[in-house]
Amino acid sequence: MAEGGHPAIIASSSTNNDINEQFLASLLEMGIPQETAKQ
């Protein structure tokens, strides 16, 4: 998993769940609360 990666890297993910996990992780690294991201 790339540290400090951008959402663009999730394009190669195989499943929607994996993409969502990667996306949330990326948002958290940028300082965006996970609850806010889910809204």
C-alpha atoms as a PDB file:
ATOM      1  CA  MET A   1       0.000   0.000   0.000  1.00  0.00           C
ATOM      2  CA  ALA A   2       1.469   3.326  -1.038  1.00  0.00           C
ATOM      3  CA  GLU A   3       2.036   5.774   1.782  1.00  0.00           C
ATOM      4  CA  GLY A   4       0.396   9.148   1.185  1.00  0.00           C
ATOM      5  CA  GLY A   5      -1.048   7.840  -2.081  1.00  0.00           C
ATOM      6  CA  HIS A   6      -3.664   9.713  -4.066  1.00  0.00           C
ATOM      7  CA  PRO A   7      -7.131   8.277  -4.898  1.00  0.00           C
ATOM      8  CA  ALA A   8      -5.831   7.746  -8.450  1.00  0.00           C
ATOM      9  CA  ILE A   9      -3.918   4.657  -7.299  1.00  0.00           C
ATOM     10  CA  ILE A  10      -7.167   2.881  -6.414  1.00  0.00           C
ATOM     11  CA  ALA A  11      -8.079   2.602 -10.100  1.00  0.00           C
ATOM     12  CA  SER A  12      -6.194  -0.695 -10.225  1.00  0.00           C
ATOM     13  CA  SER A  13      -8.113  -2.157  -7.270  1.00  0.00           C
ATOM     14  CA  SER A  14     -10.114  -5.291  -8.029  1.00  0.00           C
ATOM     15  CA  THR A  15     -13.215  -4.719  -5.890  1.00  0.00           C
ATOM     16  CA  ASN A  16     -15.409  -1.802  -4.839  1.00  0.00           C
ATOM     17  CA  ASN A  17     -14.756  -2.630  -1.189  1.00  0.00           C
ATOM     18  CA  ASP A  18     -11.005  -2.494  -1.740  1.00  0.00           C
ATOM     19  CA  ILE A  19     -11.377   0.810  -3.590  1.00  0.00           C
ATOM     20  CA  ASN A  20     -13.454   2.203  -0.728  1.00  0.00           C
ATOM     21  CA  GLU A  21     -10.852   1.079   1.827  1.00  0.00           C
ATOM     22  CA  GLN A  22      -8.047   2.684  -0.178  1.00  0.00           C
ATOM     23  CA  PHE A  23     -10.052   5.873  -0.662  1.00  0.00           C
ATOM     24  CA  LEU A  24     -10.912   6.232   3.027  1.00  0.00           C
ATOM     25  CA  ALA A  25      -7.294   5.529   3.967  1.00  0.00           C
ATOM     26  CA  SER A  26      -6.159   8.242   1.567  1.00  0.00           C
ATOM     27  CA  LEU A  27      -8.664  10.723   3.009  1.00  0.00           C
ATOM     28  CA  LEU A  28      -7.528   9.922   6.551  1.00  0.00           C
ATOM     29  CA  GLU A  29      -3.908  10.522   5.562  1.00  0.00           C
ATOM     30  CA  MET A  30      -4.943  13.936   4.242  1.00  0.00           C
ATOM     31  CA  GLY A  31      -6.595  14.690   7.584  1.00  0.00           C
ATOM     32  CA  ILE A  32     -10.219  14.180   6.552  1.00  0.00           C
ATOM     33  CA  PRO A  33     -12.331  12.361   9.199  1.00  0.00           C
ATOM     34  CA  GLN A  34     -13.739   9.036   8.011  1.00  0.00           C
ATOM     35  CA  GLU A  35     -17.245   9.948   9.175  1.00  0.00           C
ATOM     36  CA  THR A  36     -17.174  13.060   7.005  1.00  0.00           C
ATOM     37  CA  ALA A  37     -16.020  11.037   4.014  1.00  0.00           C
ATOM     38  CA  LYS A  38     -18.951   8.625   4.360  1.00  0.00           C
ATOM     39  CA  GLN A  39     -21.560  11.386   4.162  1.00  0.00           C
END
